[in-house]
């Protein structure tokens, strides 16, 4: 099932052992190489330090929050050596410029993700003011259209369809009857 990115922010983390909230998942951590949700930056009550909850440590996603066994599922960023490059990149998808090889399309205003795989499936791109009065004020880009993701922009395939003169010419012969 597809969900919007807003369902990933400020979500309570509920301990099944304690039966109550143990932290808040402040914002998702996205892997820029495959656009997969790796986990969440979390804040525990009474602690100023940020912790991380990995997706694989979540037992169940419920309407009331993310269910985990207990608060030991929260890790310190220093403990996650394997994920260090992604954590240090501080990749932000919202606000990232989206362009084709020929022109700028706009900036990512939202995204949707698939709840089972936690992969970002669609990007919602807000058009710049100069193109705001066109028929489409928001573009929807599928993950299959993405060519490259950098620190500064997301490069996507051109969607313009080039039609040759041959294709535009009217048919000269009638199709044979079957």
N, C-alpha and C. Protein backbone atom coordinates (compact mmCIF):
# COMPACT_ATOMS: atom_id res chain seq x y z
N UNK A 1 0.84 -1.17 0.00
CA UNK A 1 0.00 0.00 0.00
C UNK A 1 0.89 1.24 0.00
N UNK A 2 0.50 2.25 -0.77
CA UNK A 2 1.26 3.49 -0.82
C UNK A 2 0.81 4.45 0.28
N UNK A 3 1.78 5.10 0.89
CA UNK A 3 1.53 6.12 1.91
C UNK A 3 2.34 7.36 1.57
N UNK A 4 1.87 8.52 1.99
CA UNK A 4 2.63 9.75 1.79
C UNK A 4 3.69 9.90 2.87
N UNK A 5 4.69 10.70 2.58
CA UNK A 5 5.84 10.86 3.48
C UNK A 5 5.45 11.40 4.85
N UNK A 6 4.37 12.13 4.92
CA UNK A 6 3.96 12.71 6.21
C UNK A 6 3.66 11.64 7.26
N UNK A 7 3.34 10.43 6.80
CA UNK A 7 3.07 9.34 7.75
C UNK A 7 4.35 8.79 8.37
N UNK A 8 5.51 9.28 7.93
CA UNK A 8 6.79 8.82 8.48
C UNK A 8 7.37 9.78 9.52
N UNK A 9 6.78 10.95 9.69
CA UNK A 9 7.35 11.95 10.60
C UNK A 9 6.53 12.08 11.88
N UNK A 10 7.23 12.32 12.97
CA UNK A 10 6.63 12.53 14.29
C UNK A 10 5.66 11.40 14.68
N UNK A 11 6.14 10.18 14.52
CA UNK A 11 5.34 8.99 14.82
C UNK A 11 5.78 8.43 16.17
N UNK A 12 4.84 8.11 17.07
CA UNK A 12 5.22 7.50 18.35
C UNK A 12 5.80 6.10 18.15
N UNK A 13 6.81 5.77 18.94
CA UNK A 13 7.38 4.43 18.95
C UNK A 13 6.87 3.76 20.22
N UNK A 14 6.14 2.67 20.05
CA UNK A 14 5.46 2.02 21.17
C UNK A 14 6.16 0.70 21.50
N UNK A 15 6.50 0.54 22.76
CA UNK A 15 7.12 -0.69 23.24
C UNK A 15 6.04 -1.72 23.54
N UNK A 16 6.16 -2.90 22.94
CA UNK A 16 5.20 -3.97 23.23
C UNK A 16 5.40 -4.51 24.64
N UNK A 17 6.62 -4.46 25.12
CA UNK A 17 6.91 -4.95 26.47
C UNK A 17 6.34 -4.00 27.53
N UNK A 18 6.53 -2.69 27.34
CA UNK A 18 6.03 -1.72 28.31
C UNK A 18 4.57 -1.33 28.07
N UNK A 19 4.11 -1.50 26.84
CA UNK A 19 2.73 -1.15 26.52
C UNK A 19 2.50 0.33 26.35
N UNK A 20 3.56 1.10 26.13
CA UNK A 20 3.41 2.53 25.95
C UNK A 20 4.52 3.11 25.10
N UNK A 21 4.44 4.40 24.84
CA UNK A 21 5.45 5.04 23.99
C UNK A 21 6.81 5.15 24.69
N UNK A 22 7.88 4.92 23.93
CA UNK A 22 9.24 5.03 24.47
C UNK A 22 10.03 6.13 23.76
N UNK A 23 9.56 6.56 22.59
CA UNK A 23 10.27 7.59 21.83
C UNK A 23 9.35 8.11 20.73
N UNK A 24 9.85 9.11 20.02
CA UNK A 24 9.15 9.66 18.86
C UNK A 24 10.08 9.53 17.65
N UNK A 25 9.56 8.97 16.56
CA UNK A 25 10.31 8.91 15.30
C UNK A 25 10.15 10.26 14.63
N UNK A 26 11.18 11.08 14.71
CA UNK A 26 11.10 12.47 14.27
C UNK A 26 11.05 12.57 12.75
N UNK A 27 12.01 11.93 12.07
CA UNK A 27 12.02 11.99 10.61
C UNK A 27 12.68 10.74 10.05
N UNK A 28 12.30 10.38 8.81
CA UNK A 28 12.86 9.17 8.22
C UNK A 28 14.30 9.38 7.74
N UNK A 29 15.04 8.29 7.69
CA UNK A 29 16.39 8.28 7.13
C UNK A 29 16.29 7.57 5.79
N UNK A 30 16.59 8.30 4.71
CA UNK A 30 16.49 7.73 3.37
C UNK A 30 17.87 7.41 2.82
N UNK A 31 17.98 6.25 2.19
CA UNK A 31 19.20 5.86 1.51
C UNK A 31 19.16 6.49 0.12
N UNK A 32 20.08 7.42 -0.21
CA UNK A 32 20.02 8.09 -1.51
C UNK A 32 20.37 7.18 -2.68
N UNK A 33 20.97 6.04 -2.42
CA UNK A 33 21.40 5.15 -3.50
C UNK A 33 20.25 4.31 -4.06
N UNK A 34 19.27 3.99 -3.22
CA UNK A 34 18.15 3.17 -3.70
C UNK A 34 16.78 3.73 -3.29
N UNK A 35 16.76 4.92 -2.68
CA UNK A 35 15.54 5.57 -2.21
C UNK A 35 14.69 4.64 -1.34
N UNK A 36 15.35 4.03 -0.39
CA UNK A 36 14.67 3.16 0.56
C UNK A 36 14.74 3.79 1.95
N UNK A 37 13.65 3.67 2.70
CA UNK A 37 13.65 4.16 4.08
C UNK A 37 14.48 3.19 4.90
N UNK A 38 15.57 3.69 5.46
CA UNK A 38 16.49 2.88 6.26
C UNK A 38 16.00 2.77 7.70
N UNK A 39 15.42 3.86 8.19
CA UNK A 39 14.95 3.91 9.57
C UNK A 39 14.50 5.32 9.90
N UNK A 40 14.57 5.67 11.19
CA UNK A 40 14.12 6.98 11.65
C UNK A 40 15.11 7.56 12.65
N UNK A 41 15.27 8.87 12.61
CA UNK A 41 15.93 9.59 13.70
C UNK A 41 14.89 9.71 14.80
N UNK A 42 15.26 9.38 16.03
CA UNK A 42 14.30 9.33 17.14
C UNK A 42 14.77 10.16 18.33
N UNK A 43 13.80 10.66 19.07
CA UNK A 43 14.06 11.36 20.33
C UNK A 43 13.36 10.60 21.44
N UNK A 44 14.12 10.33 22.50
CA UNK A 44 13.54 9.69 23.68
C UNK A 44 13.21 10.76 24.70
N UNK A 45 12.14 10.58 25.47
CA UNK A 45 11.83 11.56 26.51
C UNK A 45 12.96 11.60 27.54
N UNK A 46 13.34 12.80 27.92
CA UNK A 46 14.39 12.96 28.92
C UNK A 46 15.80 12.85 28.37
N UNK A 47 15.94 12.75 27.05
CA UNK A 47 17.27 12.63 26.44
C UNK A 47 17.37 13.60 25.27
N UNK A 48 18.48 14.30 25.19
CA UNK A 48 18.70 15.22 24.07
C UNK A 48 19.36 14.53 22.89
N UNK A 49 19.94 13.37 23.11
CA UNK A 49 20.65 12.65 22.05
C UNK A 49 19.66 12.01 21.07
N UNK A 50 20.02 12.06 19.80
CA UNK A 50 19.21 11.40 18.78
C UNK A 50 19.60 9.93 18.70
N UNK A 51 18.61 9.08 18.59
CA UNK A 51 18.82 7.65 18.40
C UNK A 51 18.27 7.27 17.03
N UNK A 52 18.52 6.03 16.65
CA UNK A 52 18.05 5.55 15.35
C UNK A 52 17.25 4.27 15.57
N UNK A 53 16.10 4.22 14.90
CA UNK A 53 15.31 3.00 14.85
C UNK A 53 15.37 2.50 13.41
N UNK A 54 15.94 1.32 13.20
CA UNK A 54 16.02 0.74 11.87
C UNK A 54 14.70 0.08 11.49
N UNK A 55 14.39 0.08 10.21
CA UNK A 55 13.15 -0.51 9.72
C UNK A 55 13.03 -1.97 10.14
N UNK A 56 14.14 -2.72 10.08
CA UNK A 56 14.07 -4.15 10.42
C UNK A 56 13.78 -4.41 11.90
N UNK A 57 13.90 -3.39 12.75
CA UNK A 57 13.60 -3.55 14.17
C UNK A 57 12.14 -3.23 14.51
N UNK A 58 11.37 -2.78 13.53
CA UNK A 58 9.96 -2.47 13.75
C UNK A 58 9.16 -3.76 13.59
N UNK A 59 8.42 -4.12 14.63
CA UNK A 59 7.60 -5.34 14.57
C UNK A 59 6.35 -5.13 13.74
N UNK A 60 5.73 -3.96 13.91
CA UNK A 60 4.47 -3.70 13.22
C UNK A 60 4.26 -2.19 13.11
N UNK A 61 3.71 -1.77 11.98
CA UNK A 61 3.31 -0.38 11.80
C UNK A 61 1.81 -0.33 12.04
N UNK A 62 1.41 0.42 13.06
CA UNK A 62 -0.01 0.52 13.41
C UNK A 62 -0.45 1.96 13.25
N UNK A 63 -1.76 2.22 13.22
CA UNK A 63 -2.23 3.60 13.15
C UNK A 63 -1.77 4.45 14.34
N UNK A 64 -1.51 3.80 15.48
CA UNK A 64 -1.09 4.56 16.66
C UNK A 64 0.42 4.74 16.74
N UNK A 65 1.19 4.08 15.86
CA UNK A 65 2.64 4.27 15.88
C UNK A 65 3.41 3.05 15.40
N UNK A 66 4.71 3.09 15.65
CA UNK A 66 5.60 1.99 15.28
C UNK A 66 5.80 1.09 16.50
N UNK A 67 5.44 -0.17 16.37
CA UNK A 67 5.55 -1.11 17.49
C UNK A 67 6.91 -1.80 17.45
N UNK A 68 7.63 -1.75 18.59
CA UNK A 68 8.92 -2.43 18.74
C UNK A 68 8.85 -3.30 20.00
N UNK A 69 9.80 -4.23 20.14
CA UNK A 69 9.82 -5.07 21.34
C UNK A 69 10.01 -4.23 22.59
N UNK A 70 11.08 -3.46 22.63
CA UNK A 70 11.33 -2.55 23.75
C UNK A 70 12.29 -1.46 23.30
N UNK A 71 12.65 -0.58 24.22
CA UNK A 71 13.48 0.56 23.86
C UNK A 71 14.91 0.19 23.49
N UNK A 72 15.31 -1.05 23.71
CA UNK A 72 16.66 -1.47 23.31
C UNK A 72 16.79 -1.55 21.78
N UNK A 73 15.69 -1.47 21.06
CA UNK A 73 15.73 -1.45 19.59
C UNK A 73 16.29 -0.13 19.07
N UNK A 74 16.29 0.90 19.90
CA UNK A 74 16.85 2.20 19.51
C UNK A 74 18.37 2.12 19.61
N UNK A 75 19.05 2.53 18.55
CA UNK A 75 20.51 2.45 18.50
C UNK A 75 21.13 3.83 18.46
N UNK A 76 22.35 3.91 18.92
CA UNK A 76 23.14 5.12 18.79
C UNK A 76 23.71 5.15 17.37
N UNK A 77 23.84 6.31 16.75
CA UNK A 77 24.44 6.37 15.42
C UNK A 77 25.84 5.76 15.37
N UNK A 78 26.58 5.82 16.47
CA UNK A 78 27.94 5.25 16.50
C UNK A 78 27.93 3.72 16.44
N UNK A 79 26.83 3.09 16.82
CA UNK A 79 26.73 1.64 16.79
C UNK A 79 26.48 1.08 15.39
N UNK A 80 26.02 1.92 14.49
CA UNK A 80 25.61 1.46 13.16
C UNK A 80 26.70 1.75 12.13
N UNK A 81 27.80 1.04 12.25
CA UNK A 81 28.97 1.25 11.39
C UNK A 81 28.61 1.02 9.92
N UNK A 82 27.86 -0.01 9.63
CA UNK A 82 27.52 -0.37 8.26
C UNK A 82 26.72 0.74 7.56
N UNK A 83 25.92 1.47 8.32
CA UNK A 83 25.07 2.52 7.76
C UNK A 83 25.68 3.91 7.88
N UNK A 84 26.91 4.00 8.34
CA UNK A 84 27.56 5.29 8.59
C UNK A 84 27.54 6.22 7.36
N UNK A 85 27.87 5.74 6.13
CA UNK A 85 27.85 6.66 4.98
C UNK A 85 26.47 7.27 4.73
N UNK A 86 25.42 6.48 4.87
CA UNK A 86 24.07 7.00 4.66
C UNK A 86 23.69 7.98 5.77
N UNK A 87 24.03 7.64 7.01
CA UNK A 87 23.71 8.53 8.13
C UNK A 87 24.45 9.85 8.02
N UNK A 88 25.70 9.81 7.58
CA UNK A 88 26.50 11.03 7.45
C UNK A 88 26.08 11.88 6.27
N UNK A 89 25.39 11.30 5.30
CA UNK A 89 24.99 12.07 4.12
C UNK A 89 23.85 13.05 4.44
N UNK A 90 23.06 12.77 5.47
CA UNK A 90 21.92 13.62 5.85
C UNK A 90 21.07 13.95 4.63
N UNK A 91 20.74 12.93 3.86
CA UNK A 91 19.99 13.10 2.61
C UNK A 91 18.57 13.55 2.88
N UNK A 92 18.17 14.64 2.24
CA UNK A 92 16.81 15.17 2.35
C UNK A 92 16.17 15.12 0.97
N UNK A 93 15.08 14.42 0.84
CA UNK A 93 14.40 14.31 -0.45
C UNK A 93 13.48 15.51 -0.70
N UNK A 94 12.76 15.93 0.32
CA UNK A 94 11.85 17.07 0.17
C UNK A 94 12.70 18.33 -0.06
N UNK A 95 12.33 19.08 -1.09
CA UNK A 95 13.06 20.30 -1.43
C UNK A 95 14.18 20.08 -2.44
N UNK A 96 14.44 18.83 -2.79
CA UNK A 96 15.51 18.53 -3.76
C UNK A 96 15.03 18.93 -5.17
N UNK A 97 15.93 19.57 -5.93
CA UNK A 97 15.62 19.99 -7.29
C UNK A 97 15.49 18.77 -8.20
N UNK A 98 14.50 18.79 -9.09
CA UNK A 98 14.29 17.72 -10.06
C UNK A 98 14.41 18.32 -11.45
N UNK A 99 15.23 17.68 -12.29
CA UNK A 99 15.40 18.20 -13.64
C UNK A 99 15.64 17.08 -14.63
N UNK A 100 15.45 17.42 -15.90
CA UNK A 100 15.80 16.51 -16.99
C UNK A 100 17.11 17.02 -17.56
N UNK A 101 17.59 16.38 -18.62
CA UNK A 101 18.83 16.85 -19.24
C UNK A 101 18.65 18.20 -19.90
N UNK A 102 17.39 18.56 -20.22
CA UNK A 102 17.14 19.80 -20.94
C UNK A 102 16.64 20.96 -20.07
N UNK A 103 15.88 20.69 -19.02
CA UNK A 103 15.35 21.79 -18.23
C UNK A 103 14.97 21.36 -16.81
N UNK A 104 14.77 22.37 -15.97
CA UNK A 104 14.40 22.15 -14.57
C UNK A 104 12.89 21.93 -14.49
N UNK A 105 12.48 20.93 -13.71
CA UNK A 105 11.06 20.63 -13.56
C UNK A 105 10.46 21.26 -12.31
N UNK A 106 11.23 21.36 -11.24
CA UNK A 106 10.74 21.90 -9.98
C UNK A 106 11.46 21.26 -8.81
N UNK A 107 10.81 21.29 -7.64
CA UNK A 107 11.39 20.70 -6.43
C UNK A 107 10.43 19.68 -5.84
N UNK A 108 11.01 18.66 -5.20
CA UNK A 108 10.20 17.62 -4.57
C UNK A 108 9.41 18.24 -3.41
N UNK A 109 8.09 18.13 -3.48
CA UNK A 109 7.24 18.66 -2.41
C UNK A 109 6.75 17.55 -1.49
N UNK A 110 6.72 16.32 -2.00
CA UNK A 110 6.28 15.18 -1.21
C UNK A 110 6.70 13.91 -1.95
N UNK A 111 6.55 12.78 -1.30
CA UNK A 111 6.80 11.50 -1.96
C UNK A 111 5.92 10.44 -1.33
N UNK A 112 5.70 9.37 -2.08
CA UNK A 112 4.95 8.24 -1.53
C UNK A 112 5.87 7.04 -1.50
N UNK A 113 5.62 6.17 -0.53
CA UNK A 113 6.44 4.98 -0.36
C UNK A 113 5.53 3.77 -0.21
N UNK A 114 6.07 2.60 -0.52
CA UNK A 114 5.33 1.35 -0.41
C UNK A 114 5.58 0.81 1.00
N UNK A 115 4.52 0.49 1.72
CA UNK A 115 4.66 0.15 3.14
C UNK A 115 5.35 -1.19 3.39
N UNK A 116 5.29 -2.13 2.47
CA UNK A 116 5.96 -3.42 2.70
C UNK A 116 7.46 -3.34 2.44
N UNK A 117 7.84 -2.74 1.32
CA UNK A 117 9.27 -2.67 0.96
C UNK A 117 9.95 -1.43 1.49
N UNK A 118 9.18 -0.42 1.88
CA UNK A 118 9.69 0.88 2.35
C UNK A 118 10.49 1.60 1.27
N UNK A 119 10.20 1.32 0.00
CA UNK A 119 10.83 2.00 -1.12
C UNK A 119 10.01 3.22 -1.51
N UNK A 120 10.70 4.32 -1.84
CA UNK A 120 10.02 5.49 -2.37
C UNK A 120 9.57 5.12 -3.79
N UNK A 121 8.29 5.28 -4.07
CA UNK A 121 7.72 4.88 -5.35
C UNK A 121 7.48 6.08 -6.26
N UNK A 122 6.94 7.15 -5.72
CA UNK A 122 6.61 8.33 -6.53
C UNK A 122 7.11 9.60 -5.87
N UNK A 123 7.57 10.53 -6.71
CA UNK A 123 7.97 11.86 -6.26
C UNK A 123 6.91 12.84 -6.73
N UNK A 124 6.49 13.73 -5.86
CA UNK A 124 5.56 14.79 -6.22
C UNK A 124 6.37 16.07 -6.33
N UNK A 125 6.41 16.62 -7.54
CA UNK A 125 7.28 17.75 -7.85
C UNK A 125 6.44 19.00 -8.04
N UNK A 126 6.71 20.02 -7.21
CA UNK A 126 6.03 21.31 -7.33
C UNK A 126 6.72 22.12 -8.42
N UNK A 127 5.94 22.66 -9.32
CA UNK A 127 6.48 23.43 -10.44
C UNK A 127 6.96 24.80 -9.96
N UNK A 128 7.96 25.38 -10.63
CA UNK A 128 8.38 26.73 -10.28
C UNK A 128 7.30 27.75 -10.65
N UNK A 129 7.40 28.95 -10.12
CA UNK A 129 6.38 29.97 -10.35
C UNK A 129 6.17 30.26 -11.83
N UNK A 130 7.22 30.19 -12.63
CA UNK A 130 7.07 30.49 -14.06
C UNK A 130 6.19 29.48 -14.78
N UNK A 131 6.08 28.28 -14.25
CA UNK A 131 5.26 27.25 -14.90
C UNK A 131 4.01 26.94 -14.10
N UNK A 132 3.74 27.73 -13.08
CA UNK A 132 2.62 27.45 -12.19
C UNK A 132 1.27 27.55 -12.89
N UNK A 133 1.20 28.37 -13.91
CA UNK A 133 -0.09 28.58 -14.58
C UNK A 133 -0.32 27.60 -15.72
N UNK A 134 0.53 26.61 -15.84
CA UNK A 134 0.32 25.58 -16.85
C UNK A 134 -0.76 24.62 -16.37
N UNK A 135 -1.11 23.68 -17.21
CA UNK A 135 -2.19 22.73 -16.88
C UNK A 135 -1.82 21.85 -15.69
N UNK A 136 -0.53 21.60 -15.50
CA UNK A 136 -0.09 20.72 -14.42
C UNK A 136 0.72 21.52 -13.41
N UNK A 137 0.19 21.70 -12.20
CA UNK A 137 0.96 22.44 -11.20
C UNK A 137 1.82 21.51 -10.36
N UNK A 138 1.52 20.21 -10.34
CA UNK A 138 2.34 19.22 -9.65
C UNK A 138 2.61 18.07 -10.61
N UNK A 139 3.87 17.70 -10.74
CA UNK A 139 4.24 16.56 -11.56
C UNK A 139 4.41 15.34 -10.67
N UNK A 140 4.04 14.19 -11.16
CA UNK A 140 4.25 12.94 -10.43
C UNK A 140 5.28 12.13 -11.21
N UNK A 141 6.41 11.88 -10.56
CA UNK A 141 7.52 11.16 -11.19
C UNK A 141 7.62 9.78 -10.55
N UNK A 142 7.59 8.73 -11.36
CA UNK A 142 7.74 7.37 -10.86
C UNK A 142 9.22 7.06 -10.67
N UNK A 143 9.54 6.16 -9.78
CA UNK A 143 10.94 5.82 -9.50
C UNK A 143 11.65 5.26 -10.72
N UNK A 144 10.90 4.66 -11.67
CA UNK A 144 11.51 4.12 -12.88
C UNK A 144 12.01 5.21 -13.81
N UNK A 145 11.56 6.44 -13.63
CA UNK A 145 11.99 7.56 -14.46
C UNK A 145 13.27 8.21 -13.94
N UNK A 146 13.72 7.84 -12.75
CA UNK A 146 14.90 8.47 -12.15
C UNK A 146 16.16 7.88 -12.77
N UNK A 147 17.03 8.77 -13.23
CA UNK A 147 18.30 8.37 -13.83
C UNK A 147 19.43 8.45 -12.81
N UNK A 148 19.47 9.57 -12.07
CA UNK A 148 20.59 9.81 -11.15
C UNK A 148 20.12 10.67 -9.98
N UNK A 149 20.69 10.41 -8.81
CA UNK A 149 20.42 11.22 -7.62
C UNK A 149 21.76 11.73 -7.11
N UNK A 150 21.88 13.05 -6.97
CA UNK A 150 23.10 13.65 -6.44
C UNK A 150 22.75 14.42 -5.17
N UNK A 151 23.75 15.06 -4.58
CA UNK A 151 23.51 15.87 -3.39
C UNK A 151 22.67 17.11 -3.72
N UNK A 152 22.69 17.54 -4.98
CA UNK A 152 22.04 18.80 -5.34
C UNK A 152 20.77 18.65 -6.17
N UNK A 153 20.62 17.55 -6.90
CA UNK A 153 19.46 17.41 -7.77
C UNK A 153 19.15 15.93 -8.04
N UNK A 154 17.96 15.73 -8.63
CA UNK A 154 17.54 14.41 -9.10
C UNK A 154 17.32 14.54 -10.60
N UNK A 155 18.02 13.72 -11.37
CA UNK A 155 17.91 13.74 -12.83
C UNK A 155 16.92 12.66 -13.25
N UNK A 156 15.91 13.07 -14.04
CA UNK A 156 14.89 12.13 -14.50
C UNK A 156 14.84 12.11 -16.02
N UNK A 157 14.22 11.08 -16.56
CA UNK A 157 14.08 10.95 -18.01
C UNK A 157 13.15 12.03 -18.54
N UNK A 158 13.44 12.49 -19.77
CA UNK A 158 12.52 13.39 -20.46
C UNK A 158 11.25 12.63 -20.79
N UNK A 159 10.13 13.28 -20.61
CA UNK A 159 8.86 12.62 -20.93
C UNK A 159 8.29 13.10 -22.25
N UNK A 160 8.99 14.03 -22.90
CA UNK A 160 8.52 14.52 -24.19
C UNK A 160 8.60 13.40 -25.21
N UNK A 161 7.55 13.23 -25.97
CA UNK A 161 7.53 12.21 -27.01
C UNK A 161 7.83 12.89 -28.33
N UNK A 162 8.85 12.41 -29.03
CA UNK A 162 9.22 12.97 -30.32
C UNK A 162 8.51 12.17 -31.41
N UNK A 163 7.78 12.89 -32.24
CA UNK A 163 7.03 12.25 -33.31
C UNK A 163 7.71 12.61 -34.63
N UNK A 164 7.97 11.62 -35.46
CA UNK A 164 8.60 11.87 -36.75
C UNK A 164 7.55 12.26 -37.78
N UNK A 165 8.01 12.83 -38.90
CA UNK A 165 7.09 13.22 -39.98
C UNK A 165 6.38 11.99 -40.53
N UNK A 166 7.09 10.88 -40.57
CA UNK A 166 6.53 9.64 -41.08
C UNK A 166 5.31 9.21 -40.26
N UNK A 167 5.41 9.34 -38.94
CA UNK A 167 4.30 8.95 -38.07
C UNK A 167 3.13 9.91 -38.19
N UNK A 168 3.39 11.17 -38.53
CA UNK A 168 2.34 12.17 -38.64
C UNK A 168 1.62 12.10 -39.99
N UNK A 169 2.26 11.51 -41.00
CA UNK A 169 1.67 11.43 -42.34
C UNK A 169 0.43 10.54 -42.31
N UNK A 170 -0.60 10.93 -43.07
CA UNK A 170 -1.81 10.09 -43.10
C UNK A 170 -1.52 8.76 -43.80
N UNK A 171 -2.30 7.79 -43.48
CA UNK A 171 -2.14 6.47 -44.10
C UNK A 171 -2.49 6.57 -45.57
N UNK A 172 -1.64 5.99 -46.45
CA UNK A 172 -1.87 6.07 -47.89
C UNK A 172 -2.63 4.86 -48.41
N UNK A 173 -2.48 3.74 -47.76
CA UNK A 173 -3.17 2.54 -48.21
C UNK A 173 -4.12 2.06 -47.11
N UNK A 174 -5.22 1.52 -47.55
CA UNK A 174 -6.17 0.96 -46.59
C UNK A 174 -5.61 -0.35 -46.05
N UNK A 175 -5.92 -0.64 -44.85
CA UNK A 175 -5.48 -1.89 -44.24
C UNK A 175 -6.19 -3.05 -44.90
N UNK A 176 -5.49 -4.18 -45.12
CA UNK A 176 -6.15 -5.33 -45.76
C UNK A 176 -7.26 -5.89 -44.87
N UNK A 177 -8.32 -6.32 -45.52
CA UNK A 177 -9.45 -6.89 -44.78
C UNK A 177 -9.10 -8.29 -44.32
N UNK A 178 -9.55 -8.62 -43.16
CA UNK A 178 -9.22 -9.94 -42.60
C UNK A 178 -10.19 -10.98 -43.01
